[in-house]
Amino acid sequence: MRTSKIKLGLLVFASSLLLGCNSFIFYRHDPKTGLYEKRNSYTLDIFTDRVERGVKRESRGEQVKTGWREYWISTARGISSWDEGNPEVHDKCIQYIINQRREAGLPDIPELNEMKYKH
């Protein structure tokens, strides 16, 4: 019985590591209670889907009205409208854009790195 609980625990732990490698989990601190609240990652899922679709489109050579450089800068600026002032989430999202574009072999946009919070 004890061995099966240990195996189950290890399986759950390993699964969470594998599933969590490419996802964002963040918590919001409630100053009134002092507690941290786990946030719904639905907005982050929408964000990552948008980034992945945009990178694929840019890689295929599709055009956007503003140009891709301005598109990505605008996307990064929009993060602050839903990151609840959390610098860690903000920086992870900007880094996600940078990483996805690099993996696709697209040129860097230096302004994106400059948009990260200065810790």
PDB file of N, CA and C in Angstrom:
ATOM      1  N   MET A   1       0.827  -1.192   0.000  1.00  0.00           N
ATOM      2  CA  MET A   1       0.000   0.000   0.000  1.00  0.00           C
ATOM      3  C   MET A   1       0.869   1.252   0.000  1.00  0.00           C
ATOM      4  N   ARG A   2       1.862   1.299   0.861  1.00  0.00           N
ATOM      5  CA  ARG A   2       2.728   2.468   0.959  1.00  0.00           C
ATOM      6  C   ARG A   2       3.510   2.670  -0.333  1.00  0.00           C
ATOM      7  N   THR A   3       3.967   1.578  -0.943  1.00  0.00           N
ATOM      8  CA  THR A   3       4.718   1.662  -2.194  1.00  0.00           C
ATOM      9  C   THR A   3       3.862   2.248  -3.303  1.00  0.00           C
ATOM     10  N   SER A   4       2.597   1.858  -3.379  1.00  0.00           N
ATOM     11  CA  SER A   4       1.737   2.389  -4.428  1.00  0.00           C
ATOM     12  C   SER A   4       1.478   3.885  -4.228  1.00  0.00           C
ATOM     13  N   LYS A   5       1.407   4.347  -2.974  1.00  0.00           N
ATOM     14  CA  LYS A   5       1.231   5.778  -2.711  1.00  0.00           C
ATOM     15  C   LYS A   5       2.473   6.555  -3.137  1.00  0.00           C
ATOM     16  N   ILE A   6       3.621   5.982  -2.885  1.00  0.00           N
ATOM     17  CA  ILE A   6       4.869   6.637  -3.284  1.00  0.00           C
ATOM     18  C   ILE A   6       4.956   6.705  -4.804  1.00  0.00           C
ATOM     19  N   LYS A   7       4.616   5.608  -5.481  1.00  0.00           N
ATOM     20  CA  LYS A   7       4.637   5.593  -6.943  1.00  0.00           C
ATOM     21  C   LYS A   7       3.663   6.618  -7.511  1.00  0.00           C
ATOM     22  N   LEU A   8       2.476   6.693  -6.927  1.00  0.00           N
ATOM     23  CA  LEU A   8       1.481   7.657  -7.380  1.00  0.00           C
ATOM     24  C   LEU A   8       1.991   9.089  -7.171  1.00  0.00           C
ATOM     25  N   GLY A   9       2.582   9.323  -6.021  1.00  0.00           N
ATOM     26  CA  GLY A   9       3.135  10.654  -5.731  1.00  0.00           C
ATOM     27  C   GLY A   9       4.229  11.036  -6.712  1.00  0.00           C
ATOM     28  N   LEU A  10       5.113  10.092  -7.026  1.00  0.00           N
ATOM     29  CA  LEU A  10       6.173  10.357  -7.989  1.00  0.00           C
ATOM     30  C   LEU A  10       5.607  10.604  -9.389  1.00  0.00           C
ATOM     31  N   LEU A  11       4.578   9.851  -9.746  1.00  0.00           N
ATOM     32  CA  LEU A  11       3.941  10.037 -11.047  1.00  0.00           C
ATOM     33  C   LEU A  11       3.305  11.424 -11.152  1.00  0.00           C
ATOM     34  N   VAL A  12       2.605  11.840 -10.119  1.00  0.00           N
ATOM     35  CA  VAL A  12       1.979  13.165 -10.101  1.00  0.00           C
ATOM     36  C   VAL A  12       3.051  14.247 -10.168  1.00  0.00           C
ATOM     37  N   PHE A  13       4.119  14.076  -9.410  1.00  0.00           N
ATOM     38  CA  PHE A  13       5.209  15.050  -9.403  1.00  0.00           C
ATOM     39  C   PHE A  13       5.867  15.147 -10.778  1.00  0.00           C
ATOM     40  N   ALA A  14       6.180  14.009 -11.383  1.00  0.00           N
ATOM     41  CA  ALA A  14       6.810  13.998 -12.706  1.00  0.00           C
ATOM     42  C   ALA A  14       5.892  14.615 -13.759  1.00  0.00           C
ATOM     43  N   SER A  15       4.613  14.312 -13.679  1.00  0.00           N
ATOM     44  CA  SER A  15       3.651  14.877 -14.637  1.00  0.00           C
ATOM     45  C   SER A  15       3.573  16.389 -14.510  1.00  0.00           C
ATOM     46  N   SER A  16       3.566  16.872 -13.282  1.00  0.00           N
ATOM     47  CA  SER A  16       3.468  18.319 -13.092  1.00  0.00           C
ATOM     48  C   SER A  16       4.721  19.014 -13.616  1.00  0.00           C
ATOM     49  N   LEU A  17       5.872  18.375 -13.469  1.00  0.00           N
ATOM     50  CA  LEU A  17       7.091  18.958 -14.023  1.00  0.00           C
ATOM     51  C   LEU A  17       7.023  19.023 -15.540  1.00  0.00           C
ATOM     52  N   LEU A  18       6.602  17.940 -16.153  1.00  0.00           N
ATOM     53  CA  LEU A  18       6.528  17.893 -17.614  1.00  0.00           C
ATOM     54  C   LEU A  18       5.491  18.858 -18.154  1.00  0.00           C
ATOM     55  N   LEU A  19       4.333  18.913 -17.545  1.00  0.00           N
ATOM     56  CA  LEU A  19       3.270  19.791 -18.020  1.00  0.00           C
ATOM     57  C   LEU A  19       3.556  21.247 -17.692  1.00  0.00           C
ATOM     58  N   GLY A  20       4.267  21.484 -16.626  1.00  0.00           N
ATOM     59  CA  GLY A  20       4.518  22.842 -16.194  1.00  0.00           C
ATOM     60  C   GLY A  20       5.684  23.524 -16.883  1.00  0.00           C
ATOM     61  N   CYS A  21       6.457  22.793 -17.658  1.00  0.00           N
ATOM     62  CA  CYS A  21       7.639  23.376 -18.278  1.00  0.00           C
ATOM     63  C   CYS A  21       7.306  24.470 -19.276  1.00  0.00           C
ATOM     64  N   ASN A  22       6.169  24.388 -19.890  1.00  0.00           N
ATOM     65  CA  ASN A  22       5.856  25.356 -20.934  1.00  0.00           C
ATOM     66  C   ASN A  22       4.659  26.218 -20.554  1.00  0.00           C
ATOM     67  N   SER A  23       4.330  26.257 -19.280  1.00  0.00           N
ATOM     68  CA  SER A  23       3.158  27.026 -18.886  1.00  0.00           C
ATOM     69  C   SER A  23       3.546  28.064 -17.841  1.00  0.00           C
ATOM     70  N   PHE A  24       2.653  28.986 -17.627  1.00  0.00           N
ATOM     71  CA  PHE A  24       2.854  30.031 -16.643  1.00  0.00           C
ATOM     72  C   PHE A  24       1.918  29.779 -15.479  1.00  0.00           C
ATOM     73  N   ILE A  25       2.469  29.835 -14.299  1.00  0.00           N
ATOM     74  CA  ILE A  25       1.646  29.777 -13.097  1.00  0.00           C
ATOM     75  C   ILE A  25       2.052  30.993 -12.288  1.00  0.00           C
ATOM     76  N   PHE A  26       1.084  31.761 -11.877  1.00  0.00           N
ATOM     77  CA  PHE A  26       1.437  32.896 -11.055  1.00  0.00           C
ATOM     78  C   PHE A  26       0.403  33.085  -9.969  1.00  0.00           C
ATOM     79  N   TYR A  27       0.832  33.797  -8.954  1.00  0.00           N
ATOM     80  CA  TYR A  27       0.003  34.044  -7.791  1.00  0.00           C
ATOM     81  C   TYR A  27      -0.108  35.542  -7.579  1.00  0.00           C
ATOM     82  N   ARG A  28      -1.260  35.967  -7.089  1.00  0.00           N
ATOM     83  CA  ARG A  28      -1.474  37.366  -6.769  1.00  0.00           C
ATOM     84  C   ARG A  28      -1.496  37.500  -5.254  1.00  0.00           C
ATOM     85  N   HIS A  29      -0.710  38.443  -4.760  1.00  0.00           N
ATOM     86  CA  HIS A  29      -0.649  38.672  -3.319  1.00  0.00           C
ATOM     87  C   HIS A  29      -1.788  39.601  -2.912  1.00  0.00           C
ATOM     88  N   ASP A  30      -2.539  39.172  -1.919  1.00  0.00           N
ATOM     89  CA  ASP A  30      -3.611  40.012  -1.383  1.00  0.00           C
ATOM     90  C   ASP A  30      -3.058  40.697  -0.133  1.00  0.00           C
ATOM     91  N   PRO A  31      -2.803  42.007  -0.221  1.00  0.00           N
ATOM     92  CA  PRO A  31      -2.196  42.696   0.919  1.00  0.00           C
ATOM     93  C   PRO A  31      -3.082  42.710   2.165  1.00  0.00           C
ATOM     94  N   LYS A  32      -4.388  42.602   1.985  1.00  0.00           N
ATOM     95  CA  LYS A  32      -5.290  42.621   3.142  1.00  0.00           C
ATOM     96  C   LYS A  32      -5.157  41.361   3.990  1.00  0.00           C
ATOM     97  N   THR A  33      -5.048  40.199   3.317  1.00  0.00           N
ATOM     98  CA  THR A  33      -4.974  38.932   4.041  1.00  0.00           C
ATOM     99  C   THR A  33      -3.547  38.427   4.186  1.00  0.00           C
ATOM    100  N   GLY A  34      -2.649  38.918   3.314  1.00  0.00           N
ATOM    101  CA  GLY A  34      -1.275  38.425   3.336  1.00  0.00           C
ATOM    102  C   GLY A  34      -1.115  37.101   2.605  1.00  0.00           C
ATOM    103  N   LEU A  35      -2.199  36.620   1.993  1.00  0.00           N
ATOM    104  CA  LEU A  35      -2.160  35.340   1.310  1.00  0.00           C
ATOM    105  C   LEU A  35      -1.935  35.516  -0.190  1.00  0.00           C
ATOM    106  N   TYR A  36      -1.475  34.435  -0.813  1.00  0.00           N
ATOM    107  CA  TYR A  36      -1.283  34.420  -2.259  1.00  0.00           C
ATOM    108  C   TYR A  36      -2.399  33.610  -2.892  1.00  0.00           C
ATOM    109  N   GLU A  37      -2.976  34.156  -3.945  1.00  0.00           N
ATOM    110  CA  GLU A  37      -4.081  33.504  -4.633  1.00  0.00           C
ATOM    111  C   GLU A  37      -3.589  33.011  -5.991  1.00  0.00           C
ATOM    112  N   LYS A  38      -3.800  31.732  -6.264  1.00  0.00           N
ATOM    113  CA  LYS A  38      -3.414  31.190  -7.563  1.00  0.00           C
ATOM    114  C   LYS A  38      -4.338  31.783  -8.618  1.00  0.00           C
ATOM    115  N   ARG A  39      -3.755  32.287  -9.694  1.00  0.00           N
ATOM    116  CA  ARG A  39      -4.522  32.944 -10.728  1.00  0.00           C
ATOM    117  C   ARG A  39      -4.880  31.962 -11.840  1.00  0.00           C
ATOM    118  N   ASN A  40      -6.019  32.185 -12.430  1.00  0.00           N
ATOM    119  CA  ASN A  40      -6.466  31.407 -13.576  1.00  0.00           C
ATOM    120  C   ASN A  40      -5.537  31.709 -14.743  1.00  0.00           C
ATOM    121  N   SER A  41      -5.034  30.703 -15.411  1.00  0.00           N
ATOM    122  CA  SER A  41      -4.084  30.914 -16.494  1.00  0.00           C
ATOM    123  C   SER A  41      -4.772  31.063 -17.853  1.00  0.00           C
ATOM    124  N   TYR A  42      -6.098  31.244 -17.856  1.00  0.00           N
ATOM    125  CA  TYR A  42      -6.830  31.359 -19.118  1.00  0.00           C
ATOM    126  C   TYR A  42      -6.294  32.501 -19.979  1.00  0.00           C
ATOM    127  N   THR A  43      -6.052  33.666 -19.379  1.00  0.00           N
ATOM    128  CA  THR A  43      -5.519  34.801 -20.129  1.00  0.00           C
ATOM    129  C   THR A  43      -4.145  34.471 -20.676  1.00  0.00           C
ATOM    130  N   LEU A  44      -3.347  33.768 -19.892  1.00  0.00           N
ATOM    131  CA  LEU A  44      -2.019  33.382 -20.359  1.00  0.00           C
ATOM    132  C   LEU A  44      -2.105  32.385 -21.511  1.00  0.00           C
ATOM    133  N   ASP A  45      -3.081  31.493 -21.461  1.00  0.00           N
ATOM    134  CA  ASP A  45      -3.274  30.548 -22.561  1.00  0.00           C
ATOM    135  C   ASP A  45      -3.618  31.286 -23.847  1.00  0.00           C
ATOM    136  N   ILE A  46      -4.480  32.273 -23.743  1.00  0.00           N
ATOM    137  CA  ILE A  46      -4.829  33.080 -24.915  1.00  0.00           C
ATOM    138  C   ILE A  46      -3.575  33.789 -25.434  1.00  0.00           C
ATOM    139  N   PHE A  47      -2.792  34.332 -24.516  1.00  0.00           N
ATOM    140  CA  PHE A  47      -1.569  35.034 -24.890  1.00  0.00           C
ATOM    141  C   PHE A  47      -0.601  34.106 -25.626  1.00  0.00           C
ATOM    142  N   THR A  48      -0.322  32.935 -25.052  1.00  0.00           N
ATOM    143  CA  THR A  48       0.654  32.038 -25.683  1.00  0.00           C
ATOM    144  C   THR A  48       0.151  31.552 -27.044  1.00  0.00           C
ATOM    145  N   ASP A  49      -1.146  31.285 -27.162  1.00  0.00           N
ATOM    146  CA  ASP A  49      -1.709  30.887 -28.463  1.00  0.00           C
ATOM    147  C   ASP A  49      -1.517  32.002 -29.482  1.00  0.00           C
ATOM    148  N   ARG A  50      -1.775  33.241 -29.071  1.00  0.00           N
ATOM    149  CA  ARG A  50      -1.618  34.383 -29.980  1.00  0.00           C
ATOM    150  C   ARG A  50      -0.166  34.515 -30.429  1.00  0.00           C
ATOM    151  N   VAL A  51       0.766  34.375 -29.498  1.00  0.00           N
ATOM    152  CA  VAL A  51       2.188  34.480 -29.842  1.00  0.00           C
ATOM    153  C   VAL A  51       2.571  33.378 -30.822  1.00  0.00           C
ATOM    154  N   GLU A  52       2.178  32.143 -30.528  1.00  0.00           N
ATOM    155  CA  GLU A  52       2.535  31.022 -31.403  1.00  0.00           C
ATOM    156  C   GLU A  52       1.955  31.190 -32.806  1.00  0.00           C
ATOM    157  N   ARG A  53       0.692  31.635 -32.892  1.00  0.00           N
ATOM    158  CA  ARG A  53       0.082  31.875 -34.210  1.00  0.00           C
ATOM    159  C   ARG A  53       0.806  32.999 -34.948  1.00  0.00           C
ATOM    160  N   GLY A  54       1.134  34.073 -34.228  1.00  0.00           N
ATOM    161  CA  GLY A  54       1.838  35.190 -34.847  1.00  0.00           C
ATOM    162  C   GLY A  54       3.209  34.800 -35.369  1.00  0.00           C
ATOM    163  N   VAL A  55       3.938  34.007 -34.606  1.00  0.00           N
ATOM    164  CA  VAL A  55       5.268  33.559 -35.027  1.00  0.00           C
ATOM    165  C   VAL A  55       5.161  32.693 -36.286  1.00  0.00           C
ATOM    166  N   LYS A  56       4.177  31.809 -36.322  1.00  0.00           N
ATOM    167  CA  LYS A  56       3.980  30.976 -37.518  1.00  0.00           C
ATOM    168  C   LYS A  56       3.666  31.841 -38.733  1.00  0.00           C
ATOM    169  N   ARG A  57       2.805  32.820 -38.557  1.00  0.00           N
ATOM    170  CA  ARG A  57       2.441  33.705 -39.671  1.00  0.00           C
ATOM    171  C   ARG A  57       3.650  34.502 -40.147  1.00  0.00           C
ATOM    172  N   GLU A  58       4.416  35.025 -39.198  1.00  0.00           N
ATOM    173  CA  GLU A  58       5.606  35.791 -39.569  1.00  0.00           C
ATOM    174  C   GLU A  58       6.612  34.895 -40.286  1.00  0.00           C
ATOM    175  N   SER A  59       6.778  33.680 -39.811  1.00  0.00           N
ATOM    176  CA  SER A  59       7.709  32.732 -40.433  1.00  0.00           C
ATOM    177  C   SER A  59       7.314  32.393 -41.873  1.00  0.00           C
ATOM    178  N   ARG A  60       6.004  32.369 -42.125  1.00  0.00           N
ATOM    179  CA  ARG A  60       5.514  32.077 -43.484  1.00  0.00           C
ATOM    180  C   ARG A  60       5.613  33.287 -44.406  1.00  0.00           C
ATOM    181  N   GLY A  61       5.973  34.424 -43.846  1.00  0.00           N
ATOM    182  CA  GLY A  61       6.120  35.624 -44.661  1.00  0.00           C
ATOM    183  C   GLY A  61       4.845  36.429 -44.822  1.00  0.00           C
ATOM    184  N   GLU A  62       3.818  36.102 -44.040  1.00  0.00           N
ATOM    185  CA  GLU A  62       2.589  36.890 -44.101  1.00  0.00           C
ATOM    186  C   GLU A  62       2.870  38.308 -43.606  1.00  0.00           C
ATOM    187  N   GLN A  63       2.121  39.246 -44.097  1.00  0.00           N
ATOM    188  CA  GLN A  63       2.285  40.641 -43.705  1.00  0.00           C
ATOM    189  C   GLN A  63       1.167  41.057 -42.756  1.00  0.00           C
ATOM    190  N   VAL A  64       1.500  41.983 -41.862  1.00  0.00           N
ATOM    191  CA  VAL A  64       0.492  42.622 -41.019  1.00  0.00           C
ATOM    192  C   VAL A  64       0.564  44.119 -41.292  1.00  0.00           C
ATOM    193  N   LYS A  65      -0.527  44.801 -41.031  1.00  0.00           N
ATOM    194  CA  LYS A  65      -0.645  46.222 -41.375  1.00  0.00           C
ATOM    195  C   LYS A  65       0.493  47.064 -40.796  1.00  0.00           C
ATOM    196  N   THR A  66       0.823  46.836 -39.529  1.00  0.00           N
ATOM    197  CA  THR A  66       1.821  47.664 -38.848  1.00  0.00           C
ATOM    198  C   THR A  66       3.252  47.207 -39.085  1.00  0.00           C
ATOM    199  N   GLY A  67       3.427  46.023 -39.614  1.00  0.00           N
ATOM    200  CA  GLY A  67       4.755  45.408 -39.693  1.00  0.00           C
ATOM    201  C   GLY A  67       4.974  44.570 -38.443  1.00  0.00           C
ATOM    202  N   TRP A  68       5.759  43.504 -38.569  1.00  0.00           N
ATOM    203  CA  TRP A  68       5.917  42.554 -37.453  1.00  0.00           C
ATOM    204  C   TRP A  68       6.623  43.163 -36.248  1.00  0.00           C
ATOM    205  N   ARG A  69       7.616  44.017 -36.475  1.00  0.00           N
ATOM    206  CA  ARG A  69       8.336  44.626 -35.351  1.00  0.00           C
ATOM    207  C   ARG A  69       7.352  45.385 -34.460  1.00  0.00           C
ATOM    208  N   GLU A  70       6.542  46.233 -35.070  1.00  0.00           N
ATOM    209  CA  GLU A  70       5.574  47.021 -34.296  1.00  0.00           C
ATOM    210  C   GLU A  70       4.485  46.123 -33.697  1.00  0.00           C
ATOM    211  N   TYR A  71       4.119  45.072 -34.409  1.00  0.00           N
ATOM    212  CA  TYR A  71       3.119  44.119 -33.905  1.00  0.00           C
ATOM    213  C   TYR A  71       3.592  43.522 -32.575  1.00  0.00           C
ATOM    214  N   TRP A  72       4.858  43.074 -32.531  1.00  0.00           N
ATOM    215  CA  TRP A  72       5.372  42.437 -31.315  1.00  0.00           C
ATOM    216  C   TRP A  72       5.566  43.451 -30.194  1.00  0.00           C
ATOM    217  N   ILE A  73       5.999  44.648 -30.525  1.00  0.00           N
ATOM    218  CA  ILE A  73       6.145  45.682 -29.502  1.00  0.00           C
ATOM    219  C   ILE A  73       4.773  46.016 -28.916  1.00  0.00           C
ATOM    220  N   SER A  74       3.774  46.139 -29.749  1.00  0.00           N
ATOM    221  CA  SER A  74       2.413  46.417 -29.289  1.00  0.00           C
ATOM    222  C   SER A  74       1.876  45.276 -28.430  1.00  0.00           C
ATOM    223  N   THR A  75       2.152  44.049 -28.835  1.00  0.00           N
ATOM    224  CA  THR A  75       1.729  42.884 -28.045  1.00  0.00           C
ATOM    225  C   THR A  75       2.369  42.929 -26.663  1.00  0.00           C
ATOM    226  N   ALA A  76       3.652  43.250 -26.606  1.00  0.00           N
ATOM    227  CA  ALA A  76       4.361  43.319 -25.320  1.00  0.00           C
ATOM    228  C   ALA A  76       3.806  44.451 -24.453  1.00  0.00           C
ATOM    229  N   ARG A  77       3.488  45.567 -25.065  1.00  0.00           N
ATOM    230  CA  ARG A  77       2.895  46.685 -24.298  1.00  0.00           C
ATOM    231  C   ARG A  77       1.551  46.281 -23.701  1.00  0.00           C
ATOM    232  N   GLY A  78       0.807  45.472 -24.405  1.00  0.00           N
ATOM    233  CA  GLY A  78      -0.508  45.047 -23.940  1.00  0.00           C
ATOM    234  C   GLY A  78      -0.479  44.133 -22.738  1.00  0.00           C
ATOM    235  N   ILE A  79       0.651  43.529 -22.455  1.00  0.00           N
ATOM    236  CA  ILE A  79       0.761  42.606 -21.315  1.00  0.00           C
ATOM    237  C   ILE A  79       0.410  43.323 -20.020  1.00  0.00           C
ATOM    238  N   SER A  80       0.838  44.571 -19.886  1.00  0.00           N
ATOM    239  CA  SER A  80       0.612  45.286 -18.626  1.00  0.00           C
ATOM    240  C   SER A  80      -0.868  45.535 -18.337  1.00  0.00           C
ATOM    241  N   SER A  81      -1.738  45.340 -19.335  1.00  0.00           N
ATOM    242  CA  SER A  81      -3.168  45.531 -19.089  1.00  0.00           C
ATOM    243  C   SER A  81      -3.793  44.366 -18.329  1.00  0.00           C
ATOM    244  N   TRP A  82      -3.107  43.229 -18.251  1.00  0.00           N
ATOM    245  CA  TRP A  82      -3.683  42.084 -17.538  1.00  0.00           C
ATOM    246  C   TRP A  82      -2.707  41.380 -16.614  1.00  0.00           C
ATOM    247  N   ASP A  83      -1.468  41.844 -16.490  1.00  0.00           N
ATOM    248  CA  ASP A  83      -0.508  41.157 -15.611  1.00  0.00           C
ATOM    249  C   ASP A  83      -0.624  41.569 -14.154  1.00  0.00           C
ATOM    250  N   GLU A  84      -1.562  42.473 -13.848  1.00  0.00           N
ATOM    251  CA  GLU A  84      -1.841  42.929 -12.488  1.00  0.00           C
ATOM    252  C   GLU A  84      -0.607  43.501 -11.797  1.00  0.00           C
ATOM    253  N   GLY A  85       0.275  44.109 -12.578  1.00  0.00           N
ATOM    254  CA  GLY A  85       1.462  44.720 -12.002  1.00  0.00           C
ATOM    255  C   GLY A  85       2.493  43.736 -11.498  1.00  0.00           C
ATOM    256  N   ASN A  86       2.387  42.488 -11.914  1.00  0.00           N
ATOM    257  CA  ASN A  86       3.315  41.459 -11.469  1.00  0.00           C
ATOM    258  C   ASN A  86       4.519  41.435 -12.414  1.00  0.00           C
ATOM    259  N   PRO A  87       5.680  41.955 -11.983  1.00  0.00           N
ATOM    260  CA  PRO A  87       6.844  42.027 -12.861  1.00  0.00           C
ATOM    261  C   PRO A  87       7.312  40.656 -13.360  1.00  0.00           C
ATOM    262  N   GLU A  88       7.168  39.627 -12.540  1.00  0.00           N
ATOM    263  CA  GLU A  88       7.615  38.294 -12.941  1.00  0.00           C
ATOM    264  C   GLU A  88       6.785  37.780 -14.119  1.00  0.00           C
ATOM    265  N   VAL A  89       5.477  37.939 -14.055  1.00  0.00           N
ATOM    266  CA  VAL A  89       4.604  37.511 -15.146  1.00  0.00           C
ATOM    267  C   VAL A  89       4.900  38.341 -16.387  1.00  0.00           C
ATOM    268  N   HIS A  90       5.007  39.632 -16.212  1.00  0.00           N
ATOM    269  CA  HIS A  90       5.299  40.539 -17.322  1.00  0.00           C
ATOM    270  C   HIS A  90       6.574  40.109 -18.050  1.00  0.00           C
ATOM    271  N   ASP A  91       7.648  39.903 -17.300  1.00  0.00           N
ATOM    272  CA  ASP A  91       8.929  39.530 -17.901  1.00  0.00           C
ATOM    273  C   ASP A  91       8.885  38.150 -18.547  1.00  0.00           C
ATOM    274  N   LYS A  92       8.181  37.204 -17.919  1.00  0.00           N
ATOM    275  CA  LYS A  92       8.069  35.866 -18.511  1.00  0.00           C
ATOM    276  C   LYS A  92       7.342  35.928 -19.846  1.00  0.00           C
ATOM    277  N   CYS A  93       6.328  36.767 -19.933  1.00  0.00           N
ATOM    278  CA  CYS A  93       5.564  36.885 -21.178  1.00  0.00           C
ATOM    279  C   CYS A  93       6.406  37.509 -22.280  1.00  0.00           C
ATOM    280  N   ILE A  94       7.141  38.542 -21.950  1.00  0.00           N
ATOM    281  CA  ILE A  94       8.020  39.153 -22.952  1.00  0.00           C
ATOM    282  C   ILE A  94       9.085  38.155 -23.381  1.00  0.00           C
ATOM    283  N   GLN A  95       9.641  37.430 -22.423  1.00  0.00           N
ATOM    284  CA  GLN A  95      10.656  36.431 -22.755  1.00  0.00           C
ATOM    285  C   GLN A  95      10.060  35.325 -23.623  1.00  0.00           C
ATOM    286  N   TYR A  96       8.794  35.009 -23.408  1.00  0.00           N
ATOM    287  CA  TYR A  96       8.121  34.000 -24.217  1.00  0.00           C
ATOM    288  C   TYR A  96       8.070  34.437 -25.677  1.00  0.00           C
ATOM    289  N   ILE A  97       7.748  35.710 -25.911  1.00  0.00           N
ATOM    290  CA  ILE A  97       7.740  36.234 -27.284  1.00  0.00           C
ATOM    291  C   ILE A  97       9.141  36.101 -27.885  1.00  0.00           C
ATOM    292  N   ILE A  98      10.142  36.539 -27.136  1.00  0.00           N
ATOM    293  CA  ILE A  98      11.528  36.504 -27.609  1.00  0.00           C
ATOM    294  C   ILE A  98      11.936  35.071 -27.944  1.00  0.00           C
ATOM    295  N   ASN A  99      11.657  34.136 -27.032  1.00  0.00           N
ATOM    296  CA  ASN A  99      12.056  32.737 -27.241  1.00  0.00           C
ATOM    297  C   ASN A  99      11.363  32.103 -28.438  1.00  0.00           C
ATOM    298  N   GLN A 100      10.070  32.341 -28.574  1.00  0.00           N
ATOM    299  CA  GLN A 100       9.329  31.750 -29.697  1.00  0.00           C
ATOM    300  C   GLN A 100       9.863  32.269 -31.029  1.00  0.00           C
ATOM    301  N   ARG A 101      10.162  33.551 -31.085  1.00  0.00           N
ATOM    302  CA  ARG A 101      10.686  34.124 -32.326  1.00  0.00           C
ATOM    303  C   ARG A 101      12.076  33.572 -32.626  1.00  0.00           C
ATOM    304  N   ARG A 102      12.916  33.445 -31.601  1.00  0.00           N
ATOM    305  CA  ARG A 102      14.270  32.897 -31.801  1.00  0.00           C
ATOM    306  C   ARG A 102      14.213  31.456 -32.281  1.00  0.00           C
ATOM    307  N   GLU A 103      13.344  30.662 -31.652  1.00  0.00           N
ATOM    308  CA  GLU A 103      13.210  29.258 -32.055  1.00  0.00           C
ATOM    309  C   GLU A 103      12.784  29.123 -33.508  1.00  0.00           C
ATOM    310  N   ALA A 104      12.038  30.102 -33.993  1.00  0.00           N
ATOM    311  CA  ALA A 104      11.576  30.084 -35.382  1.00  0.00           C
ATOM    312  C   ALA A 104      12.618  30.686 -36.331  1.00  0.00           C
ATOM    313  N   GLY A 105      13.741  31.149 -35.776  1.00  0.00           N
ATOM    314  CA  GLY A 105      14.792  31.714 -36.610  1.00  0.00           C
ATOM    315  C   GLY A 105      14.518  33.145 -37.060  1.00  0.00           C
ATOM    316  N   LEU A 106      13.633  33.831 -36.365  1.00  0.00           N
ATOM    317  CA  LEU A 106      13.297  35.208 -36.711  1.00  0.00           C
ATOM    318  C   LEU A 106      14.277  36.167 -36.023  1.00  0.00           C
ATOM    319  N   PRO A 107      14.495  37.337 -36.614  1.00  0.00           N
ATOM    320  CA  PRO A 107      15.465  38.274 -36.032  1.00  0.00           C
ATOM    321  C   PRO A 107      14.986  38.846 -34.698  1.00  0.00           C
ATOM    322  N   ASP A 108      15.948  39.135 -33.841  1.00  0.00           N
ATOM    323  CA  ASP A 108      15.620  39.734 -32.543  1.00  0.00           C
ATOM    324  C   ASP A 108      15.070  41.138 -32.719  1.00  0.00           C
ATOM    325  N   ILE A 109      14.254  41.538 -31.764  1.00  0.00           N
ATOM    326  CA  ILE A 109      13.736  42.906 -31.686  1.00  0.00           C
ATOM    327  C   ILE A 109      14.263  43.461 -30.361  1.00  0.00           C
ATOM    328  N   PRO A 110      15.357  44.248 -30.409  1.00  0.00           N
ATOM    329  CA  PRO A 110      15.987  44.714 -29.164  1.00  0.00           C
ATOM    330  C   PRO A 110      15.034  45.450 -28.225  1.00  0.00           C
ATOM    331  N   GLU A 111      14.055  46.147 -28.760  1.00  0.00           N
ATOM    332  CA  GLU A 111      13.124  46.898 -27.904  1.00  0.00           C
ATOM    333  C   GLU A 111      12.362  45.990 -26.948  1.00  0.00           C
ATOM    334  N   LEU A 112      12.168  44.721 -27.312  1.00  0.00           N
ATOM    335  CA  LEU A 112      11.442  43.806 -26.418  1.00  0.00           C
ATOM    336  C   LEU A 112      12.204  43.595 -25.117  1.00  0.00           C
ATOM    337  N   ASN A 113      13.512  43.393 -25.194  1.00  0.00           N
ATOM    338  CA  ASN A 113      14.305  43.223 -23.971  1.00  0.00           C
ATOM    339  C   ASN A 113      14.258  44.466 -23.113  1.00  0.00           C
ATOM    340  N   GLU A 114      14.209  45.624 -23.749  1.00  0.00           N
ATOM    341  CA  GLU A 114      14.178  46.888 -23.001  1.00  0.00           C
ATOM    342  C   GLU A 114      12.840  47.091 -22.289  1.00  0.00           C
ATOM    343  N   MET A 115      11.822  46.341 -22.661  1.00  0.00           N
ATOM    344  CA  MET A 115      10.497  46.493 -22.060  1.00  0.00           C
ATOM    345  C   MET A 115      10.343  45.703 -20.766  1.00  0.00           C
ATOM    346  N   LYS A 116      11.344  44.907 -20.415  1.00  0.00           N
ATOM    347  CA  LYS A 116      11.275  44.151 -19.170  1.00  0.00           C
ATOM    348  C   LYS A 116      11.444  45.091 -17.991  1.00  0.00           C
ATOM    349  N   TYR A 117      10.879  44.687 -16.857  1.00  0.00           N
ATOM    350  CA  TYR A 117      11.043  45.475 -15.633  1.00  0.00           C
ATOM    351  C   TYR A 117      12.508  45.468 -15.238  1.00  0.00           C
ATOM    352  N   LYS A 118      12.941  46.555 -14.691  1.00  0.00           N
ATOM    353  CA  LYS A 118      14.310  46.643 -14.179  1.00  0.00           C
ATOM    354  C   LYS A 118      14.270  46.254 -12.707  1.00  0.00           C
ATOM    355  N   HIS A 119      14.759  45.065 -12.414  1.00  0.00           N
ATOM    356  CA  HIS A 119      14.705  44.550 -11.036  1.00  0.00           C
ATOM    357  C   HIS A 119      15.853  45.094 -10.223  1.00  0.00           C
TER     358      HIS A 119
END
